[in-house]
């Protein structure tokens, strides 16, 4: 399944923004619960659902705090999604998730590490150096 990159539709309705953030955070926590029980497929599904709730939206420019929350939650979901995909051998999906996380924050070391692991899984060893 191909992941969709972050979109640009502004969530001007504060209630919808709040609802999406709450849902995504619930998905993040559900995924962590599944991960702890070694239910990696369940974790992957939860983190995909959280990503799907956020990927095409952004907070209004005047609401910097909401923008920060949206970015932090989304990047956490993407890094977790990448880890679960790596664990399950879904290296293309892991690479897509890691690259999306890097587009949100290109200084996130864990996102770069996930990208390197996904590239290794895909046998694209020569591209790993760019992640270091």
C-alpha atoms as a PDB file:
ATOM      1  CA  UNK A   1       0.000   0.000   0.000  1.00  0.00           C
ATOM      2  CA  UNK A   2       1.412   3.349  -1.045  1.00  0.00           C
ATOM      3  CA  UNK A   3       1.379   6.046   1.579  1.00  0.00           C
ATOM      4  CA  UNK A   4       0.097   9.456   0.679  1.00  0.00           C
ATOM      5  CA  UNK A   5       2.354  12.450   1.245  1.00  0.00           C
ATOM      6  CA  UNK A   6       1.317  15.302   3.493  1.00  0.00           C
ATOM      7  CA  UNK A   7      -1.207  17.528   1.795  1.00  0.00           C
ATOM      8  CA  UNK A   8      -2.070  21.135   2.148  1.00  0.00           C
ATOM      9  CA  UNK A   9      -5.758  21.508   2.991  1.00  0.00           C
ATOM     10  CA  UNK A  10      -6.051  23.947   5.878  1.00  0.00           C
ATOM     11  CA  UNK A  11      -8.208  22.748   8.774  1.00  0.00           C
ATOM     12  CA  UNK A  12      -9.826  26.065   9.669  1.00  0.00           C
ATOM     13  CA  UNK A  13     -12.511  24.423  11.825  1.00  0.00           C
ATOM     14  CA  UNK A  14     -10.955  24.117  15.316  1.00  0.00           C
ATOM     15  CA  UNK A  15     -13.261  21.213  16.259  1.00  0.00           C
ATOM     16  CA  UNK A  16     -12.294  19.157  13.214  1.00  0.00           C
ATOM     17  CA  UNK A  17      -8.619  19.873  13.859  1.00  0.00           C
ATOM     18  CA  UNK A  18      -9.001  18.797  17.486  1.00  0.00           C
ATOM     19  CA  UNK A  19     -10.954  15.659  16.504  1.00  0.00           C
ATOM     20  CA  UNK A  20      -8.310  14.621  13.972  1.00  0.00           C
ATOM     21  CA  UNK A  21      -5.499  15.171  16.476  1.00  0.00           C
ATOM     22  CA  UNK A  22      -7.321  13.170  19.162  1.00  0.00           C
ATOM     23  CA  UNK A  23      -8.026  10.341  16.707  1.00  0.00           C
ATOM     24  CA  UNK A  24      -4.414  10.294  15.473  1.00  0.00           C
ATOM     25  CA  UNK A  25      -3.069  10.265  19.035  1.00  0.00           C
ATOM     26  CA  UNK A  26      -5.423   7.382  19.863  1.00  0.00           C
ATOM     27  CA  UNK A  27      -4.096   5.500  16.824  1.00  0.00           C
ATOM     28  CA  UNK A  28      -0.519   6.187  17.980  1.00  0.00           C
ATOM     29  CA  UNK A  29      -1.245   4.812  21.454  1.00  0.00           C
ATOM     30  CA  UNK A  30      -3.195   1.822  20.122  1.00  0.00           C
ATOM     31  CA  UNK A  31      -0.262   1.008  17.864  1.00  0.00           C
ATOM     32  CA  UNK A  32       2.169   1.202  20.777  1.00  0.00           C
ATOM     33  CA  UNK A  33      -0.066  -1.152  22.769  1.00  0.00           C
ATOM     34  CA  UNK A  34      -0.107  -3.628  19.858  1.00  0.00           C
ATOM     35  CA  UNK A  35       3.661  -3.271  19.409  1.00  0.00           C
ATOM     36  CA  UNK A  36       4.282  -4.089  23.067  1.00  0.00           C
ATOM     37  CA  UNK A  37       2.202  -7.270  22.612  1.00  0.00           C
ATOM     38  CA  UNK A  38       4.280  -8.095  19.498  1.00  0.00           C
ATOM     39  CA  UNK A  39       1.219  -7.608  17.299  1.00  0.00           C
ATOM     40  CA  UNK A  40       3.232  -5.817  14.627  1.00  0.00           C
ATOM     41  CA  UNK A  41       0.537  -6.021  11.943  1.00  0.00           C
ATOM     42  CA  UNK A  42      -1.992  -4.465  14.332  1.00  0.00           C
ATOM     43  CA  UNK A  43       0.472  -1.711  15.184  1.00  0.00           C
ATOM     44  CA  UNK A  44       1.079  -1.033  11.502  1.00  0.00           C
ATOM     45  CA  UNK A  45      -2.657  -0.787  10.844  1.00  0.00           C
ATOM     46  CA  UNK A  46      -3.178   1.642  13.739  1.00  0.00           C
ATOM     47  CA  UNK A  47      -0.309   3.869  12.651  1.00  0.00           C
ATOM     48  CA  UNK A  48      -1.524   3.845   9.029  1.00  0.00           C
ATOM     49  CA  UNK A  49      -4.963   4.969  10.222  1.00  0.00           C
ATOM     50  CA  UNK A  50      -3.408   7.809  12.221  1.00  0.00           C
ATOM     51  CA  UNK A  51      -1.362   8.877   9.194  1.00  0.00           C
ATOM     52  CA  UNK A  52      -4.458   8.756   6.991  1.00  0.00           C
ATOM     53  CA  UNK A  53      -6.268  11.078   9.418  1.00  0.00           C
ATOM     54  CA  UNK A  54      -3.532  13.719   9.163  1.00  0.00           C
ATOM     55  CA  UNK A  55      -1.647  13.476   5.879  1.00  0.00           C
ATOM     56  CA  UNK A  56      -3.665  15.890   3.756  1.00  0.00           C
ATOM     57  CA  UNK A  57      -4.197  18.574   6.348  1.00  0.00           C
ATOM     58  CA  UNK A  58      -2.357  21.421   7.945  1.00  0.00           C
ATOM     59  CA  UNK A  59      -3.248  23.877  10.687  1.00  0.00           C
ATOM     60  CA  UNK A  60      -4.034  27.495   9.870  1.00  0.00           C
ATOM     61  CA  UNK A  61      -0.950  29.729   9.855  1.00  0.00           C
ATOM     62  CA  UNK A  62      -2.341  31.796  12.739  1.00  0.00           C
ATOM     63  CA  UNK A  63      -2.470  28.695  14.975  1.00  0.00           C
ATOM     64  CA  UNK A  64       1.204  27.840  15.474  1.00  0.00           C
ATOM     65  CA  UNK A  65       0.502  25.564  18.456  1.00  0.00           C
ATOM     66  CA  UNK A  66      -1.911  23.420  16.436  1.00  0.00           C
ATOM     67  CA  UNK A  67       0.635  23.274  13.617  1.00  0.00           C
ATOM     68  CA  UNK A  68       3.293  22.086  16.060  1.00  0.00           C
ATOM     69  CA  UNK A  69       0.969  19.413  17.506  1.00  0.00           C
ATOM     70  CA  UNK A  70      -0.071  18.236  14.050  1.00  0.00           C
ATOM     71  CA  UNK A  71       3.553  17.963  12.901  1.00  0.00           C
ATOM     72  CA  UNK A  72       4.761  16.208  16.061  1.00  0.00           C
ATOM     73  CA  UNK A  73       1.925  13.689  16.036  1.00  0.00           C
ATOM     74  CA  UNK A  74       2.265  13.007  12.330  1.00  0.00           C
ATOM     75  CA  UNK A  75       6.031  12.526  12.447  1.00  0.00           C
ATOM     76  CA  UNK A  76       5.698  10.153  15.430  1.00  0.00           C
ATOM     77  CA  UNK A  77       3.127   8.099  13.523  1.00  0.00           C
ATOM     78  CA  UNK A  78       5.321   7.996  10.416  1.00  0.00           C
ATOM     79  CA  UNK A  79       8.442   6.879  12.295  1.00  0.00           C
ATOM     80  CA  UNK A  80       6.471   4.190  14.114  1.00  0.00           C
ATOM     81  CA  UNK A  81       4.841   3.118  10.861  1.00  0.00           C
ATOM     82  CA  UNK A  82       8.285   2.841   9.255  1.00  0.00           C
ATOM     83  CA  UNK A  83       9.551   0.707  12.146  1.00  0.00           C
ATOM     84  CA  UNK A  84       6.583  -1.671  11.948  1.00  0.00           C
ATOM     85  CA  UNK A  85       6.900  -1.914   8.165  1.00  0.00           C
ATOM     86  CA  UNK A  86      10.605  -2.757   8.540  1.00  0.00           C
ATOM     87  CA  UNK A  87       9.776  -5.416  11.133  1.00  0.00           C
ATOM     88  CA  UNK A  88       7.248  -6.958   8.712  1.00  0.00           C
ATOM     89  CA  UNK A  89       9.557  -6.734   5.688  1.00  0.00           C
ATOM     90  CA  UNK A  90       7.511  -4.009   3.964  1.00  0.00           C
ATOM     91  CA  UNK A  91      10.613  -2.011   3.067  1.00  0.00           C
ATOM     92  CA  UNK A  92       9.041   0.151   0.346  1.00  0.00           C
ATOM     93  CA  UNK A  93       6.323   1.335   2.717  1.00  0.00           C
ATOM     94  CA  UNK A  94       8.962   1.900   5.419  1.00  0.00           C
ATOM     95  CA  UNK A  95      11.012   4.027   3.037  1.00  0.00           C
ATOM     96  CA  UNK A  96       7.975   6.105   2.049  1.00  0.00           C
ATOM     97  CA  UNK A  97       7.046   6.718   5.691  1.00  0.00           C
ATOM     98  CA  UNK A  98      10.615   7.646   6.662  1.00  0.00           C
ATOM     99  CA  UNK A  99      10.912  10.036   3.727  1.00  0.00           C
ATOM    100  CA  UNK A 100       7.629  11.733   4.672  1.00  0.00           C
ATOM    101  CA  UNK A 101       8.877  12.124   8.241  1.00  0.00           C
ATOM    102  CA  UNK A 102      12.090  13.669   6.914  1.00  0.00           C
ATOM    103  CA  UNK A 103      10.062  16.128   4.802  1.00  0.00           C
ATOM    104  CA  UNK A 104       8.353  17.253   8.014  1.00  0.00           C
ATOM    105  CA  UNK A 105      11.632  17.504   9.964  1.00  0.00           C
ATOM    106  CA  UNK A 106      14.882  16.950   8.103  1.00  0.00           C
ATOM    107  CA  UNK A 107      16.820  17.056  11.383  1.00  0.00           C
ATOM    108  CA  UNK A 108      15.041  14.045  12.909  1.00  0.00           C
ATOM    109  CA  UNK A 109      17.766  11.438  13.407  1.00  0.00           C
ATOM    110  CA  UNK A 110      15.342   8.577  14.009  1.00  0.00           C
ATOM    111  CA  UNK A 111      13.595   9.264  10.688  1.00  0.00           C
ATOM    112  CA  UNK A 112      16.975   9.161   8.891  1.00  0.00           C
ATOM    113  CA  UNK A 113      17.825   5.903  10.693  1.00  0.00           C
ATOM    114  CA  UNK A 114      14.505   4.372   9.613  1.00  0.00           C
ATOM    115  CA  UNK A 115      15.243   5.447   6.031  1.00  0.00           C
ATOM    116  CA  UNK A 116      18.674   3.792   6.197  1.00  0.00           C
ATOM    117  CA  UNK A 117      17.134   0.549   7.535  1.00  0.00           C
ATOM    118  CA  UNK A 118      14.508   0.567   4.776  1.00  0.00           C
ATOM    119  CA  UNK A 119      17.167   1.144   2.112  1.00  0.00           C
ATOM    120  CA  UNK A 120      19.190  -1.753   3.537  1.00  0.00           C
ATOM    121  CA  UNK A 121      16.106  -3.963   3.387  1.00  0.00           C
ATOM    122  CA  UNK A 122      15.606  -2.988  -0.254  1.00  0.00           C
ATOM    123  CA  UNK A 123      19.246  -3.833  -1.016  1.00  0.00           C
ATOM    124  CA  UNK A 124      20.002  -0.205  -1.897  1.00  0.00           C
ATOM    125  CA  UNK A 125      23.159  -0.137   0.217  1.00  0.00           C
ATOM    126  CA  UNK A 126      24.855   2.544  -1.897  1.00  0.00           C
ATOM    127  CA  UNK A 127      22.148   5.060  -0.916  1.00  0.00           C
ATOM    128  CA  UNK A 128      22.530   4.583   2.849  1.00  0.00           C
ATOM    129  CA  UNK A 129      25.457   7.007   3.091  1.00  0.00           C
ATOM    130  CA  UNK A 130      23.122   9.957   2.375  1.00  0.00           C
ATOM    131  CA  UNK A 131      21.301   9.112   5.621  1.00  0.00           C
ATOM    132  CA  UNK A 132      24.378   9.479   7.818  1.00  0.00           C
END
